[in-house]
């Protein structure tokens, strides 16, 4: 038979785990400042957005990153960030297949893409 001390310890541990799970899903843990991340897929597509990895890979407030030729000088290239909400299929968020992701990571605040997104938010 378990002692009262062991039972109390188990109850406290279970409550702590429950509180951590609730805090995570409520947004108190994890990506606190909703920084943008880049996701590179095996198809060559590049997406930028607010990435969550648990319970699955999801990208919210996402943009499609595309390199386009400069119209004035075909030897130069520019980049284009198109919000997925403007795409014909316009999803609220993207659920990513882990097998199709080559890499992902947070953007530095000093990166051109992060600066462009910050300027758009103003």
PDB file of N, CA and C in Angstrom:
ATOM      1  N   UNK A   1       0.835  -1.179   0.000  1.00  0.00           N
ATOM      2  CA  UNK A   1       0.000   0.000   0.000  1.00  0.00           C
ATOM      3  C   UNK A   1       0.884   1.248   0.000  1.00  0.00           C
ATOM      4  N   UNK A   2       0.454   2.259  -0.741  1.00  0.00           N
ATOM      5  CA  UNK A   2       1.231   3.487  -0.857  1.00  0.00           C
ATOM      6  C   UNK A   2       0.967   4.392   0.340  1.00  0.00           C
ATOM      7  N   UNK A   3       2.023   5.093   0.715  1.00  0.00           N
ATOM      8  CA  UNK A   3       1.868   6.033   1.821  1.00  0.00           C
ATOM      9  C   UNK A   3       1.186   7.303   1.312  1.00  0.00           C
ATOM     10  N   UNK A   4       0.680   8.088   2.238  1.00  0.00           N
ATOM     11  CA  UNK A   4       0.025   9.351   1.876  1.00  0.00           C
ATOM     12  C   UNK A   4       1.006  10.297   1.195  1.00  0.00           C
ATOM     13  N   UNK A   5       2.250  10.229   1.595  1.00  0.00           N
ATOM     14  CA  UNK A   5       3.269  11.094   1.014  1.00  0.00           C
ATOM     15  C   UNK A   5       3.476  10.764  -0.469  1.00  0.00           C
ATOM     16  N   UNK A   6       3.507   9.480  -0.805  1.00  0.00           N
ATOM     17  CA  UNK A   6       3.680   9.070  -2.208  1.00  0.00           C
ATOM     18  C   UNK A   6       2.462   9.458  -3.046  1.00  0.00           C
ATOM     19  N   UNK A   7       1.279   9.315  -2.494  1.00  0.00           N
ATOM     20  CA  UNK A   7       0.054   9.664  -3.212  1.00  0.00           C
ATOM     21  C   UNK A   7       0.013  11.163  -3.497  1.00  0.00           C
ATOM     22  N   UNK A   8       0.364  11.973  -2.513  1.00  0.00           N
ATOM     23  CA  UNK A   8       0.395  13.423  -2.689  1.00  0.00           C
ATOM     24  C   UNK A   8       1.436  13.795  -3.745  1.00  0.00           C
ATOM     25  N   UNK A   9       2.589  13.146  -3.734  1.00  0.00           N
ATOM     26  CA  UNK A   9       3.641  13.431  -4.722  1.00  0.00           C
ATOM     27  C   UNK A   9       3.163  13.112  -6.131  1.00  0.00           C
ATOM     28  N   UNK A  10       2.461  11.995  -6.297  1.00  0.00           N
ATOM     29  CA  UNK A  10       1.946  11.607  -7.611  1.00  0.00           C
ATOM     30  C   UNK A  10       0.892  12.604  -8.077  1.00  0.00           C
ATOM     31  N   UNK A  11       0.010  13.026  -7.193  1.00  0.00           N
ATOM     32  CA  UNK A  11      -1.029  13.998  -7.547  1.00  0.00           C
ATOM     33  C   UNK A  11      -0.402  15.326  -7.961  1.00  0.00           C
ATOM     34  N   UNK A  12       0.588  15.784  -7.238  1.00  0.00           N
ATOM     35  CA  UNK A  12       1.271  17.039  -7.565  1.00  0.00           C
ATOM     36  C   UNK A  12       1.966  16.921  -8.927  1.00  0.00           C
ATOM     37  N   UNK A  13       2.593  15.787  -9.192  1.00  0.00           N
ATOM     38  CA  UNK A  13       3.268  15.575 -10.472  1.00  0.00           C
ATOM     39  C   UNK A  13       2.271  15.569 -11.626  1.00  0.00           C
ATOM     40  N   UNK A  14       1.146  14.880 -11.467  1.00  0.00           N
ATOM     41  CA  UNK A  14       0.119  14.840 -12.513  1.00  0.00           C
ATOM     42  C   UNK A  14      -0.450  16.234 -12.760  1.00  0.00           C
ATOM     43  N   UNK A  15      -0.713  16.985 -11.712  1.00  0.00           N
ATOM     44  CA  UNK A  15      -1.230  18.344 -11.864  1.00  0.00           C
ATOM     45  C   UNK A  15      -0.223  19.248 -12.580  1.00  0.00           C
ATOM     46  N   UNK A  16       1.048  19.081 -12.267  1.00  0.00           N
ATOM     47  CA  UNK A  16       2.089  19.889 -12.915  1.00  0.00           C
ATOM     48  C   UNK A  16       2.138  19.591 -14.410  1.00  0.00           C
ATOM     49  N   UNK A  17       2.046  18.328 -14.772  1.00  0.00           N
ATOM     50  CA  UNK A  17       2.060  17.953 -16.185  1.00  0.00           C
ATOM     51  C   UNK A  17       0.832  18.528 -16.897  1.00  0.00           C
ATOM     52  N   UNK A  18      -0.324  18.428 -16.266  1.00  0.00           N
ATOM     53  CA  UNK A  18      -1.552  18.972 -16.855  1.00  0.00           C
ATOM     54  C   UNK A  18      -1.425  20.482 -17.051  1.00  0.00           C
ATOM     55  N   UNK A  19      -0.897  21.183 -16.070  1.00  0.00           N
ATOM     56  CA  UNK A  19      -0.726  22.636 -16.187  1.00  0.00           C
ATOM     57  C   UNK A  19       0.239  23.003 -17.310  1.00  0.00           C
ATOM     58  N   UNK A  20       1.319  22.239 -17.477  1.00  0.00           N
ATOM     59  CA  UNK A  20       2.269  22.508 -18.561  1.00  0.00           C
ATOM     60  C   UNK A  20       1.620  22.304 -19.928  1.00  0.00           C
ATOM     61  N   UNK A  21       0.826  21.254 -20.060  1.00  0.00           N
ATOM     62  CA  UNK A  21       0.148  20.997 -21.333  1.00  0.00           C
ATOM     63  C   UNK A  21      -0.851  22.108 -21.634  1.00  0.00           C
ATOM     64  N   UNK A  22      -1.624  22.511 -20.653  1.00  0.00           N
ATOM     65  CA  UNK A  22      -2.595  23.588 -20.838  1.00  0.00           C
ATOM     66  C   UNK A  22      -1.877  24.891 -21.182  1.00  0.00           C
ATOM     67  N   UNK A  23      -0.788  25.193 -20.498  1.00  0.00           N
ATOM     68  CA  UNK A  23      -0.030  26.417 -20.762  1.00  0.00           C
ATOM     69  C   UNK A  23       0.540  26.401 -22.174  1.00  0.00           C
ATOM     70  N   UNK A  24       1.004  25.252 -22.628  1.00  0.00           N
ATOM     71  CA  UNK A  24       1.560  25.159 -23.979  1.00  0.00           C
ATOM     72  C   UNK A  24       0.484  25.450 -25.017  1.00  0.00           C
ATOM     73  N   UNK A  25      -0.653  24.777 -24.897  1.00  0.00           N
ATOM     74  CA  UNK A  25      -1.706  24.963 -25.893  1.00  0.00           C
ATOM     75  C   UNK A  25      -2.376  26.328 -25.784  1.00  0.00           C
ATOM     76  N   UNK A  26      -2.291  26.965 -24.650  1.00  0.00           N
ATOM     77  CA  UNK A  26      -2.857  28.307 -24.503  1.00  0.00           C
ATOM     78  C   UNK A  26      -1.900  29.372 -25.034  1.00  0.00           C
ATOM     79  N   UNK A  27      -0.671  28.961 -25.388  1.00  0.00           N
ATOM     80  CA  UNK A  27       0.285  29.892 -25.975  1.00  0.00           C
ATOM     81  C   UNK A  27       1.222  30.544 -24.976  1.00  0.00           C
ATOM     82  N   UNK A  28       1.216  30.082 -23.741  1.00  0.00           N
ATOM     83  CA  UNK A  28       2.098  30.676 -22.746  1.00  0.00           C
ATOM     84  C   UNK A  28       3.518  30.158 -22.855  1.00  0.00           C
ATOM     85  N   UNK A  29       3.686  28.992 -23.458  1.00  0.00           N
ATOM     86  CA  UNK A  29       5.015  28.419 -23.650  1.00  0.00           C
ATOM     87  C   UNK A  29       5.293  28.324 -25.140  1.00  0.00           C
ATOM     88  N   UNK A  30       6.516  28.034 -25.487  1.00  0.00           N
ATOM     89  CA  UNK A  30       6.846  27.858 -26.902  1.00  0.00           C
ATOM     90  C   UNK A  30       7.245  29.183 -27.520  1.00  0.00           C
ATOM     91  N   UNK A  31       6.766  29.456 -28.692  1.00  0.00           N
ATOM     92  CA  UNK A  31       7.129  30.655 -29.449  1.00  0.00           C
ATOM     93  C   UNK A  31       6.365  31.856 -28.889  1.00  0.00           C
ATOM     94  N   UNK A  32       6.913  32.472 -27.856  1.00  0.00           N
ATOM     95  CA  UNK A  32       6.205  33.529 -27.133  1.00  0.00           C
ATOM     96  C   UNK A  32       5.969  34.783 -27.959  1.00  0.00           C
ATOM     97  N   UNK A  33       6.930  35.145 -28.786  1.00  0.00           N
ATOM     98  CA  UNK A  33       6.780  36.394 -29.519  1.00  0.00           C
ATOM     99  C   UNK A  33       6.354  36.174 -30.969  1.00  0.00           C
ATOM    100  N   UNK A  34       5.920  34.974 -31.288  1.00  0.00           N
ATOM    101  CA  UNK A  34       5.407  34.664 -32.628  1.00  0.00           C
ATOM    102  C   UNK A  34       6.352  35.107 -33.734  1.00  0.00           C
ATOM    103  N   UNK A  35       7.628  34.808 -33.570  1.00  0.00           N
ATOM    104  CA  UNK A  35       8.600  35.105 -34.613  1.00  0.00           C
ATOM    105  C   UNK A  35       8.300  34.274 -35.851  1.00  0.00           C
ATOM    106  N   UNK A  36       8.748  34.760 -36.968  1.00  0.00           N
ATOM    107  CA  UNK A  36       8.557  34.053 -38.224  1.00  0.00           C
ATOM    108  C   UNK A  36       9.677  33.036 -38.434  1.00  0.00           C
ATOM    109  N   UNK A  37       9.314  31.946 -39.088  1.00  0.00           N
ATOM    110  CA  UNK A  37      10.267  30.900 -39.448  1.00  0.00           C
ATOM    111  C   UNK A  37      10.207  30.675 -40.944  1.00  0.00           C
ATOM    112  N   UNK A  38      11.273  30.101 -41.479  1.00  0.00           N
ATOM    113  CA  UNK A  38      11.318  29.722 -42.881  1.00  0.00           C
ATOM    114  C   UNK A  38      11.227  28.201 -42.942  1.00  0.00           C
ATOM    115  N   UNK A  39      10.495  27.686 -43.945  1.00  0.00           N
ATOM    116  CA  UNK A  39      10.352  26.250 -44.149  1.00  0.00           C
ATOM    117  C   UNK A  39      10.674  25.953 -45.604  1.00  0.00           C
ATOM    118  N   UNK A  40      11.634  25.058 -45.821  1.00  0.00           N
ATOM    119  CA  UNK A  40      12.045  24.693 -47.180  1.00  0.00           C
ATOM    120  C   UNK A  40      11.601  23.265 -47.435  1.00  0.00           C
ATOM    121  N   UNK A  41      10.808  23.057 -48.494  1.00  0.00           N
ATOM    122  CA  UNK A  41      10.240  21.747 -48.802  1.00  0.00           C
ATOM    123  C   UNK A  41      11.021  21.046 -49.912  1.00  0.00           C
ATOM    124  N   UNK A  42      10.858  19.730 -50.010  1.00  0.00           N
ATOM    125  CA  UNK A  42      11.539  18.949 -51.043  1.00  0.00           C
ATOM    126  C   UNK A  42      11.111  19.352 -52.442  1.00  0.00           C
ATOM    127  N   UNK A  43       9.964  19.978 -52.579  1.00  0.00           N
ATOM    128  CA  UNK A  43       9.474  20.440 -53.880  1.00  0.00           C
ATOM    129  C   UNK A  43      10.175  21.712 -54.348  1.00  0.00           C
ATOM    130  N   UNK A  44      10.974  22.313 -53.466  1.00  0.00           N
ATOM    131  CA  UNK A  44      11.645  23.566 -53.790  1.00  0.00           C
ATOM    132  C   UNK A  44      10.872  24.779 -53.331  1.00  0.00           C
ATOM    133  N   UNK A  45       9.663  24.584 -52.841  1.00  0.00           N
ATOM    134  CA  UNK A  45       8.869  25.701 -52.341  1.00  0.00           C
ATOM    135  C   UNK A  45       9.420  26.163 -51.000  1.00  0.00           C
ATOM    136  N   UNK A  46       9.355  27.466 -50.795  1.00  0.00           N
ATOM    137  CA  UNK A  46       9.809  28.058 -49.539  1.00  0.00           C
ATOM    138  C   UNK A  46       8.645  28.848 -48.960  1.00  0.00           C
ATOM    139  N   UNK A  47       8.334  28.578 -47.700  1.00  0.00           N
ATOM    140  CA  UNK A  47       7.267  29.282 -47.004  1.00  0.00           C
ATOM    141  C   UNK A  47       7.851  29.992 -45.796  1.00  0.00           C
ATOM    142  N   UNK A  48       7.269  31.117 -45.459  1.00  0.00           N
ATOM    143  CA  UNK A  48       7.638  31.875 -44.273  1.00  0.00           C
ATOM    144  C   UNK A  48       6.358  32.091 -43.482  1.00  0.00           C
ATOM    145  N   UNK A  49       6.415  31.857 -42.172  1.00  0.00           N
ATOM    146  CA  UNK A  49       5.235  32.056 -41.346  1.00  0.00           C
ATOM    147  C   UNK A  49       5.518  31.753 -39.898  1.00  0.00           C
ATOM    148  N   UNK A  50       4.465  31.733 -39.121  1.00  0.00           N
ATOM    149  CA  UNK A  50       4.569  31.431 -37.691  1.00  0.00           C
ATOM    150  C   UNK A  50       4.405  29.925 -37.531  1.00  0.00           C
ATOM    151  N   UNK A  51       5.509  29.264 -37.206  1.00  0.00           N
ATOM    152  CA  UNK A  51       5.582  27.811 -37.195  1.00  0.00           C
ATOM    153  C   UNK A  51       5.357  27.241 -35.804  1.00  0.00           C
ATOM    154  N   UNK A  52       4.513  26.227 -35.728  1.00  0.00           N
ATOM    155  CA  UNK A  52       4.395  25.424 -34.514  1.00  0.00           C
ATOM    156  C   UNK A  52       4.763  23.996 -34.890  1.00  0.00           C
ATOM    157  N   UNK A  53       5.389  23.289 -33.967  1.00  0.00           N
ATOM    158  CA  UNK A  53       5.858  21.935 -34.250  1.00  0.00           C
ATOM    159  C   UNK A  53       5.124  20.861 -33.459  1.00  0.00           C
ATOM    160  N   UNK A  54       4.297  21.252 -32.513  1.00  0.00           N
ATOM    161  CA  UNK A  54       3.576  20.267 -31.709  1.00  0.00           C
ATOM    162  C   UNK A  54       2.098  20.589 -31.732  1.00  0.00           C
ATOM    163  N   UNK A  55       1.256  19.677 -31.954  1.00  0.00           N
ATOM    164  CA  UNK A  55       1.431  18.232 -32.141  1.00  0.00           C
ATOM    165  C   UNK A  55       1.843  17.868 -33.566  1.00  0.00           C
ATOM    166  N   UNK A  56       1.769  18.840 -34.503  1.00  0.00           N
ATOM    167  CA  UNK A  56       2.250  18.606 -35.866  1.00  0.00           C
ATOM    168  C   UNK A  56       2.793  19.925 -36.411  1.00  0.00           C
ATOM    169  N   UNK A  57       3.431  19.846 -37.564  1.00  0.00           N
ATOM    170  CA  UNK A  57       3.970  21.070 -38.166  1.00  0.00           C
ATOM    171  C   UNK A  57       2.834  21.882 -38.777  1.00  0.00           C
ATOM    172  N   UNK A  58       2.669  23.095 -38.290  1.00  0.00           N
ATOM    173  CA  UNK A  58       1.655  24.006 -38.805  1.00  0.00           C
ATOM    174  C   UNK A  58       2.296  25.356 -39.060  1.00  0.00           C
ATOM    175  N   UNK A  59       1.882  25.974 -40.133  1.00  0.00           N
ATOM    176  CA  UNK A  59       2.375  27.300 -40.473  1.00  0.00           C
ATOM    177  C   UNK A  59       1.178  28.234 -40.579  1.00  0.00           C
ATOM    178  N   UNK A  60       1.166  29.249 -39.720  1.00  0.00           N
ATOM    179  CA  UNK A  60       0.086  30.241 -39.723  1.00  0.00           C
ATOM    180  C   UNK A  60       0.656  31.575 -40.187  1.00  0.00           C
ATOM    181  N   UNK A  61      -0.238  32.459 -40.630  1.00  0.00           N
ATOM    182  CA  UNK A  61       0.175  33.772 -41.141  1.00  0.00           C
ATOM    183  C   UNK A  61       1.311  33.583 -42.147  1.00  0.00           C
ATOM    184  N   UNK A  62       1.099  32.655 -43.087  1.00  0.00           N
ATOM    185  CA  UNK A  62       2.162  32.203 -43.979  1.00  0.00           C
ATOM    186  C   UNK A  62       2.245  33.016 -45.266  1.00  0.00           C
ATOM    187  N   UNK A  63       3.439  33.011 -45.818  1.00  0.00           N
ATOM    188  CA  UNK A  63       3.745  33.664 -47.083  1.00  0.00           C
ATOM    189  C   UNK A  63       4.500  32.672 -47.958  1.00  0.00           C
ATOM    190  N   UNK A  64       4.285  32.765 -49.252  1.00  0.00           N
ATOM    191  CA  UNK A  64       5.060  31.996 -50.214  1.00  0.00           C
ATOM    192  C   UNK A  64       6.226  32.881 -50.640  1.00  0.00           C
ATOM    193  N   UNK A  65       7.429  32.351 -50.522  1.00  0.00           N
ATOM    194  CA  UNK A  65       8.627  33.087 -50.928  1.00  0.00           C
ATOM    195  C   UNK A  65       9.000  32.636 -52.335  1.00  0.00           C
ATOM    196  N   UNK A  66       9.102  33.594 -53.250  1.00  0.00           N
ATOM    197  CA  UNK A  66       9.447  33.278 -54.631  1.00  0.00           C
ATOM    198  C   UNK A  66      10.532  34.216 -55.123  1.00  0.00           C
ATOM    199  N   UNK A  67      11.443  33.667 -55.905  1.00  0.00           N
ATOM    200  CA  UNK A  67      12.455  34.478 -56.570  1.00  0.00           C
ATOM    201  C   UNK A  67      11.944  34.739 -57.977  1.00  0.00           C
ATOM    202  N   UNK A  68      11.870  36.015 -58.343  1.00  0.00           N
ATOM    203  CA  UNK A  68      11.357  36.401 -59.663  1.00  0.00           C
ATOM    204  C   UNK A  68      12.403  37.242 -60.387  1.00  0.00           C
ATOM    205  N   UNK A  69      12.403  37.129 -61.709  1.00  0.00           N
ATOM    206  CA  UNK A  69      13.312  37.930 -62.535  1.00  0.00           C
ATOM    207  C   UNK A  69      12.889  39.394 -62.500  1.00  0.00           C
ATOM    208  N   UNK A  70      13.876  40.268 -62.463  1.00  0.00           N
ATOM    209  CA  UNK A  70      13.622  41.699 -62.529  1.00  0.00           C
ATOM    210  C   UNK A  70      13.135  42.036 -63.931  1.00  0.00           C
ATOM    211  N   UNK A  71      12.024  42.744 -64.027  1.00  0.00           N
ATOM    212  CA  UNK A  71      11.446  43.076 -65.333  1.00  0.00           C
ATOM    213  C   UNK A  71      12.346  44.011 -66.139  1.00  0.00           C
ATOM    214  N   UNK A  72      13.051  44.902 -65.454  1.00  0.00           N
ATOM    215  CA  UNK A  72      13.902  45.871 -66.152  1.00  0.00           C
ATOM    216  C   UNK A  72      15.251  45.277 -66.540  1.00  0.00           C
ATOM    217  N   UNK A  73      15.786  44.402 -65.678  1.00  0.00           N
ATOM    218  CA  UNK A  73      17.090  43.791 -65.944  1.00  0.00           C
ATOM    219  C   UNK A  73      16.973  42.284 -65.739  1.00  0.00           C
ATOM    220  N   UNK A  74      16.878  41.504 -66.820  1.00  0.00           N
ATOM    221  CA  UNK A  74      16.685  40.057 -66.688  1.00  0.00           C
ATOM    222  C   UNK A  74      17.859  39.329 -66.024  1.00  0.00           C
ATOM    223  N   UNK A  75      19.000  40.001 -65.876  1.00  0.00           N
ATOM    224  CA  UNK A  75      20.144  39.393 -65.198  1.00  0.00           C
ATOM    225  C   UNK A  75      20.022  39.473 -63.683  1.00  0.00           C
ATOM    226  N   UNK A  76      19.076  40.261 -63.215  1.00  0.00           N
ATOM    227  CA  UNK A  76      18.877  40.428 -61.776  1.00  0.00           C
ATOM    228  C   UNK A  76      17.620  39.678 -61.336  1.00  0.00           C
ATOM    229  N   UNK A  77      17.606  39.333 -60.065  1.00  0.00           N
ATOM    230  CA  UNK A  77      16.436  38.669 -59.489  1.00  0.00           C
ATOM    231  C   UNK A  77      15.963  39.448 -58.272  1.00  0.00           C
ATOM    232  N   UNK A  78      14.685  39.392 -58.020  1.00  0.00           N
ATOM    233  CA  UNK A  78      14.082  39.988 -56.831  1.00  0.00           C
ATOM    234  C   UNK A  78      13.325  38.892 -56.094  1.00  0.00           C
ATOM    235  N   UNK A  79      12.972  39.168 -54.859  1.00  0.00           N
ATOM    236  CA  UNK A  79      12.142  38.202 -54.160  1.00  0.00           C
ATOM    237  C   UNK A  79      10.751  38.764 -53.966  1.00  0.00           C
ATOM    238  N   UNK A  80       9.811  37.834 -53.847  1.00  0.00           N
ATOM    239  CA  UNK A  80       8.418  38.199 -53.718  1.00  0.00           C
ATOM    240  C   UNK A  80       7.822  37.381 -52.568  1.00  0.00           C
ATOM    241  N   UNK A  81       7.162  38.067 -51.650  1.00  0.00           N
ATOM    242  CA  UNK A  81       6.451  37.400 -50.556  1.00  0.00           C
ATOM    243  C   UNK A  81       4.959  37.578 -50.799  1.00  0.00           C
ATOM    244  N   UNK A  82       4.286  36.475 -51.063  1.00  0.00           N
ATOM    245  CA  UNK A  82       2.852  36.522 -51.318  1.00  0.00           C
ATOM    246  C   UNK A  82       2.124  35.833 -50.171  1.00  0.00           C
ATOM    247  N   UNK A  83       1.222  36.521 -49.496  1.00  0.00           N
ATOM    248  CA  UNK A  83       0.461  35.867 -48.424  1.00  0.00           C
ATOM    249  C   UNK A  83      -0.363  34.715 -48.991  1.00  0.00           C
ATOM    250  N   UNK A  84      -0.389  33.576 -48.298  1.00  0.00           N
ATOM    251  CA  UNK A  84      -1.173  32.450 -48.812  1.00  0.00           C
ATOM    252  C   UNK A  84      -2.660  32.747 -48.773  1.00  0.00           C
ATOM    253  N   UNK A  85      -3.053  33.722 -47.967  1.00  0.00           N
ATOM    254  CA  UNK A  85      -4.477  34.080 -47.947  1.00  0.00           C
ATOM    255  C   UNK A  85      -4.904  34.731 -49.261  1.00  0.00           C
ATOM    256  N   UNK A  86      -3.941  35.167 -50.073  1.00  0.00           N
ATOM    257  CA  UNK A  86      -4.239  35.727 -51.385  1.00  0.00           C
ATOM    258  C   UNK A  86      -4.171  34.686 -52.501  1.00  0.00           C
ATOM    259  N   UNK A  87      -3.740  33.478 -52.154  1.00  0.00           N
ATOM    260  CA  UNK A  87      -3.691  32.410 -53.153  1.00  0.00           C
ATOM    261  C   UNK A  87      -5.108  31.948 -53.474  1.00  0.00           C
ATOM    262  N   UNK A  88      -5.277  31.309 -54.611  1.00  0.00           N
ATOM    263  CA  UNK A  88      -6.604  30.826 -54.990  1.00  0.00           C
ATOM    264  C   UNK A  88      -7.166  29.858 -53.963  1.00  0.00           C
ATOM    265  N   UNK A  89      -6.314  29.051 -53.380  1.00  0.00           N
ATOM    266  CA  UNK A  89      -6.755  28.053 -52.409  1.00  0.00           C
ATOM    267  C   UNK A  89      -6.847  28.620 -51.008  1.00  0.00           C
ATOM    268  N   UNK A  90      -6.255  29.725 -50.697  1.00  0.00           N
ATOM    269  CA  UNK A  90      -6.363  30.528 -49.470  1.00  0.00           C
ATOM    270  C   UNK A  90      -6.687  29.776 -48.176  1.00  0.00           C
ATOM    271  N   UNK A  91      -5.766  28.952 -47.684  1.00  0.00           N
ATOM    272  CA  UNK A  91      -6.024  28.283 -46.407  1.00  0.00           C
ATOM    273  C   UNK A  91      -5.774  29.214 -45.224  1.00  0.00           C
ATOM    274  N   UNK A  92      -6.370  28.883 -44.077  1.00  0.00           N
ATOM    275  CA  UNK A  92      -6.104  29.643 -42.850  1.00  0.00           C
ATOM    276  C   UNK A  92      -4.707  29.327 -42.343  1.00  0.00           C
ATOM    277  N   UNK A  93      -4.303  28.067 -42.496  1.00  0.00           N
ATOM    278  CA  UNK A  93      -2.985  27.625 -42.061  1.00  0.00           C
ATOM    279  C   UNK A  93      -2.565  26.445 -42.911  1.00  0.00           C
ATOM    280  N   UNK A  94      -1.285  26.153 -42.905  1.00  0.00           N
ATOM    281  CA  UNK A  94      -0.759  25.011 -43.645  1.00  0.00           C
ATOM    282  C   UNK A  94      -0.348  23.928 -42.659  1.00  0.00           C
ATOM    283  N   UNK A  95      -0.766  22.714 -42.933  1.00  0.00           N
ATOM    284  CA  UNK A  95      -0.298  21.555 -42.183  1.00  0.00           C
ATOM    285  C   UNK A  95       0.766  20.903 -43.039  1.00  0.00           C
ATOM    286  N   UNK A  96       1.982  20.828 -42.517  1.00  0.00           N
ATOM    287  CA  UNK A  96       3.112  20.357 -43.306  1.00  0.00           C
ATOM    288  C   UNK A  96       3.409  18.890 -43.017  1.00  0.00           C
ATOM    289  N   UNK A  97       3.783  18.170 -44.064  1.00  0.00           N
ATOM    290  CA  UNK A  97       4.197  16.780 -43.941  1.00  0.00           C
ATOM    291  C   UNK A  97       5.683  16.774 -43.581  1.00  0.00           C
ATOM    292  N   UNK A  98       6.017  16.210 -42.431  1.00  0.00           N
ATOM    293  CA  UNK A  98       7.412  16.219 -41.969  1.00  0.00           C
ATOM    294  C   UNK A  98       8.361  15.581 -42.978  1.00  0.00           C
ATOM    295  N   UNK A  99       7.871  14.586 -43.727  1.00  0.00           N
ATOM    296  CA  UNK A  99       8.709  13.901 -44.701  1.00  0.00           C
ATOM    297  C   UNK A  99       9.070  14.797 -45.885  1.00  0.00           C
ATOM    298  N   UNK A 100       8.318  15.870 -46.101  1.00  0.00           N
ATOM    299  CA  UNK A 100       8.556  16.766 -47.225  1.00  0.00           C
ATOM    300  C   UNK A 100       9.361  18.014 -46.833  1.00  0.00           C
ATOM    301  N   UNK A 101       9.692  18.147 -45.553  1.00  0.00           N
ATOM    302  CA  UNK A 101      10.432  19.313 -45.069  1.00  0.00           C
ATOM    303  C   UNK A 101      11.925  18.992 -45.059  1.00  0.00           C
ATOM    304  N   UNK A 102      12.696  19.799 -45.761  1.00  0.00           N
ATOM    305  CA  UNK A 102      14.150  19.628 -45.760  1.00  0.00           C
ATOM    306  C   UNK A 102      14.739  20.313 -44.529  1.00  0.00           C
ATOM    307  N   UNK A 103      14.335  21.556 -44.295  1.00  0.00           N
ATOM    308  CA  UNK A 103      14.762  22.249 -43.085  1.00  0.00           C
ATOM    309  C   UNK A 103      13.770  23.339 -42.735  1.00  0.00           C
ATOM    310  N   UNK A 104      13.828  23.773 -41.484  1.00  0.00           N
ATOM    311  CA  UNK A 104      13.062  24.933 -41.036  1.00  0.00           C
ATOM    312  C   UNK A 104      13.837  25.593 -39.913  1.00  0.00           C
ATOM    313  N   UNK A 105      13.569  26.875 -39.705  1.00  0.00           N
ATOM    314  CA  UNK A 105      14.241  27.587 -38.640  1.00  0.00           C
ATOM    315  C   UNK A 105      13.733  29.004 -38.517  1.00  0.00           C
ATOM    316  N   UNK A 106      13.964  29.598 -37.359  1.00  0.00           N
ATOM    317  CA  UNK A 106      13.491  30.972 -37.133  1.00  0.00           C
ATOM    318  C   UNK A 106      14.305  31.982 -37.937  1.00  0.00           C
ATOM    319  N   UNK A 107      13.624  33.036 -38.371  1.00  0.00           N
ATOM    320  CA  UNK A 107      14.302  34.127 -39.079  1.00  0.00           C
ATOM    321  C   UNK A 107      14.951  35.063 -38.071  1.00  0.00           C
ATOM    322  N   UNK A 108      16.090  35.582 -38.417  1.00  0.00           N
ATOM    323  CA  UNK A 108      16.695  36.631 -37.609  1.00  0.00           C
ATOM    324  C   UNK A 108      15.902  37.910 -37.826  1.00  0.00           C
ATOM    325  N   UNK A 109      15.797  38.721 -36.806  1.00  0.00           N
ATOM    326  CA  UNK A 109      15.083  39.998 -36.933  1.00  0.00           C
ATOM    327  C   UNK A 109      15.756  40.915 -37.946  1.00  0.00           C
ATOM    328  N   UNK A 110      17.038  40.686 -38.202  1.00  0.00           N
ATOM    329  CA  UNK A 110      17.799  41.534 -39.120  1.00  0.00           C
ATOM    330  C   UNK A 110      17.746  41.033 -40.564  1.00  0.00           C
ATOM    331  N   UNK A 111      17.090  39.902 -40.807  1.00  0.00           N
ATOM    332  CA  UNK A 111      17.020  39.381 -42.171  1.00  0.00           C
ATOM    333  C   UNK A 111      16.108  40.266 -43.027  1.00  0.00           C
ATOM    334  N   UNK A 112      16.345  40.250 -44.329  1.00  0.00           N
ATOM    335  CA  UNK A 112      15.541  41.061 -45.255  1.00  0.00           C
ATOM    336  C   UNK A 112      14.063  40.682 -45.171  1.00  0.00           C
ATOM    337  N   UNK A 113      13.776  39.384 -45.066  1.00  0.00           N
ATOM    338  CA  UNK A 113      12.383  38.942 -45.026  1.00  0.00           C
ATOM    339  C   UNK A 113      11.712  39.422 -43.745  1.00  0.00           C
ATOM    340  N   UNK A 114      12.385  39.281 -42.614  1.00  0.00           N
ATOM    341  CA  UNK A 114      11.813  39.738 -41.338  1.00  0.00           C
ATOM    342  C   UNK A 114      11.572  41.245 -41.366  1.00  0.00           C
ATOM    343  N   UNK A 115      12.503  41.994 -41.940  1.00  0.00           N
ATOM    344  CA  UNK A 115      12.338  43.446 -42.040  1.00  0.00           C
ATOM    345  C   UNK A 115      11.173  43.793 -42.958  1.00  0.00           C
ATOM    346  N   UNK A 116      11.026  43.058 -44.057  1.00  0.00           N
ATOM    347  CA  UNK A 116       9.917  43.302 -44.984  1.00  0.00           C
ATOM    348  C   UNK A 116       8.585  43.028 -44.291  1.00  0.00           C
ATOM    349  N   UNK A 117       8.485  41.918 -43.560  1.00  0.00           N
ATOM    350  CA  UNK A 117       7.245  41.587 -42.858  1.00  0.00           C
ATOM    351  C   UNK A 117       6.928  42.595 -41.763  1.00  0.00           C
ATOM    352  N   UNK A 118       7.962  43.048 -41.055  1.00  0.00           N
ATOM    353  CA  UNK A 118       7.753  44.047 -40.001  1.00  0.00           C
ATOM    354  C   UNK A 118       7.246  45.361 -40.598  1.00  0.00           C
ATOM    355  N   UNK A 119       7.791  45.721 -41.761  1.00  0.00           N
ATOM    356  CA  UNK A 119       7.344  46.962 -42.422  1.00  0.00           C
ATOM    357  C   UNK A 119       5.908  46.844 -42.898  1.00  0.00           C
ATOM    358  N   UNK A 120       5.501  45.657 -43.333  1.00  0.00           N
ATOM    359  CA  UNK A 120       4.119  45.445 -43.784  1.00  0.00           C
ATOM    360  C   UNK A 120       3.142  45.532 -42.618  1.00  0.00           C
ATOM    361  N   UNK A 121       3.572  45.134 -41.437  1.00  0.00           N
ATOM    362  CA  UNK A 121       2.676  45.138 -40.265  1.00  0.00           C
ATOM    363  C   UNK A 121       2.421  46.549 -39.744  1.00  0.00           C
ATOM    364  N   UNK A 122       3.301  47.476 -40.099  1.00  0.00           N
ATOM    365  CA  UNK A 122       3.154  48.857 -39.585  1.00  0.00           C
ATOM    366  C   UNK A 122       2.115  49.625 -40.337  1.00  0.00           C
TER     367      UNK A 122
END
